[in-house]
Amino acid sequence: MDSESFTMEKKSDVGGIAADRLRSIIERVERLEEERKALSGDIKDIFIEAKSAGFDVKVLRTILKIRKQEPAEVEEQETLLDIYRRALGM
């Protein structure tokens, strides 16, 4: 191995860690976190808009949660909720 290739290897590999690869991973995560922050702000704005239009934001969040679930899971939860309500005389 010549001294130039040793220097290049040493520069990108520190303590057995590929520094360039690590830097790339960290920078990608940082970019995605910034995107997530921007998207969170956009979602917050939509909920503000919904509230000003007279919608109940808590109910909207519940609907969004339900829509992420499988239909069978939703049906099971609704059945249990109904049973629990009847047991409590509600």
Protein backbone atom coordinates (compact mmCIF):
# COMPACT_ATOMS: atom_id res chain seq x y z
CA MET A 1 0.00 0.00 0.00
CA ASP A 2 1.47 3.36 -0.94
CA SER A 3 1.38 6.31 1.44
CA GLU A 4 -1.31 8.14 -0.60
CA SER A 5 -3.83 5.29 -0.41
CA PHE A 6 -3.01 4.82 3.29
CA THR A 7 -3.74 8.51 3.89
CA MET A 8 -7.06 8.29 1.98
CA GLU A 9 -8.09 5.19 3.92
CA LYS A 10 -7.07 6.77 7.21
CA LYS A 11 -9.05 9.94 6.40
CA SER A 12 -12.36 8.16 5.76
CA ASP A 13 -11.97 5.30 8.26
CA VAL A 14 -11.58 6.46 11.86
CA GLY A 15 -11.40 3.92 14.64
CA GLY A 16 -12.89 1.25 12.40
CA ILE A 17 -15.80 3.53 11.48
CA ALA A 18 -16.37 4.69 7.91
CA ALA A 19 -16.57 8.41 8.69
CA ASP A 20 -17.97 9.39 5.28
CA ARG A 21 -20.76 6.83 5.56
CA LEU A 22 -21.53 7.92 9.12
CA ARG A 23 -21.62 11.59 8.09
CA SER A 24 -23.97 10.73 5.22
CA ILE A 25 -26.36 8.89 7.54
CA ILE A 26 -26.36 11.70 10.10
CA GLU A 27 -26.97 14.36 7.44
CA ARG A 28 -29.84 12.38 5.91
CA VAL A 29 -31.52 12.01 9.31
CA GLU A 30 -31.04 15.74 9.97
CA ARG A 31 -32.68 16.61 6.64
CA LEU A 32 -35.61 14.32 7.35
CA GLU A 33 -36.04 15.79 10.83
CA GLU A 34 -36.24 19.25 9.27
CA GLU A 35 -38.83 17.99 6.78
CA ARG A 36 -40.80 16.41 9.63
CA LYS A 37 -40.69 19.71 11.53
CA ALA A 38 -42.04 21.55 8.48
CA LEU A 39 -44.75 18.93 7.95
CA SER A 40 -45.75 19.09 11.62
CA GLY A 41 -46.19 22.83 11.22
CA ASP A 42 -48.34 22.28 8.13
CA ILE A 43 -50.51 19.75 9.96
CA LYS A 44 -50.92 22.15 12.88
CA ASP A 45 -52.06 24.83 10.43
CA ILE A 46 -54.64 22.46 8.96
CA PHE A 47 -56.04 21.71 12.41
CA ILE A 48 -56.24 25.44 13.13
CA GLU A 49 -58.12 25.87 9.85
CA ALA A 50 -60.46 22.99 10.75
CA LYS A 51 -61.15 24.47 14.18
CA SER A 52 -61.92 27.87 12.71
CA ALA A 53 -64.34 26.13 10.31
CA GLY A 54 -66.18 24.69 13.33
CA PHE A 55 -64.77 21.17 13.37
CA ASP A 56 -63.82 19.47 16.65
CA VAL A 57 -60.08 18.83 16.37
CA LYS A 58 -60.10 16.08 19.00
CA VAL A 59 -62.69 14.17 16.97
CA LEU A 60 -60.69 14.73 13.77
CA ARG A 61 -57.60 13.26 15.44
CA THR A 62 -59.67 10.25 16.56
CA ILE A 63 -60.94 9.72 13.01
CA LEU A 64 -57.39 9.89 11.66
CA LYS A 65 -56.29 7.30 14.22
CA ILE A 66 -59.18 4.99 13.29
CA ARG A 67 -58.46 5.30 9.56
CA LYS A 68 -54.93 3.97 10.16
CA GLN A 69 -56.27 0.77 11.71
CA GLU A 70 -57.48 -2.40 10.04
CA PRO A 71 -61.29 -2.60 9.74
CA ALA A 72 -61.45 -5.76 11.89
CA GLU A 73 -59.47 -4.03 14.64
CA VAL A 74 -61.82 -1.02 14.55
CA GLU A 75 -64.87 -3.30 14.72
CA GLU A 76 -63.41 -5.18 17.69
CA GLN A 77 -62.68 -1.94 19.57
CA GLU A 78 -66.16 -0.56 18.86
CA THR A 79 -67.75 -3.81 20.08
CA LEU A 80 -65.72 -3.71 23.29
CA LEU A 81 -66.53 -0.03 23.80
CA ASP A 82 -70.23 -0.81 23.44
CA ILE A 83 -69.99 -3.71 25.92
CA TYR A 84 -68.11 -1.57 28.44
CA ARG A 85 -70.62 1.27 28.11
CA ARG A 86 -73.55 -1.09 28.69
CA ALA A 87 -71.74 -2.61 31.69
CA LEU A 88 -71.39 0.87 33.16
CA GLY A 89 -74.98 1.81 32.35
CA MET A 90 -73.99 4.47 29.86
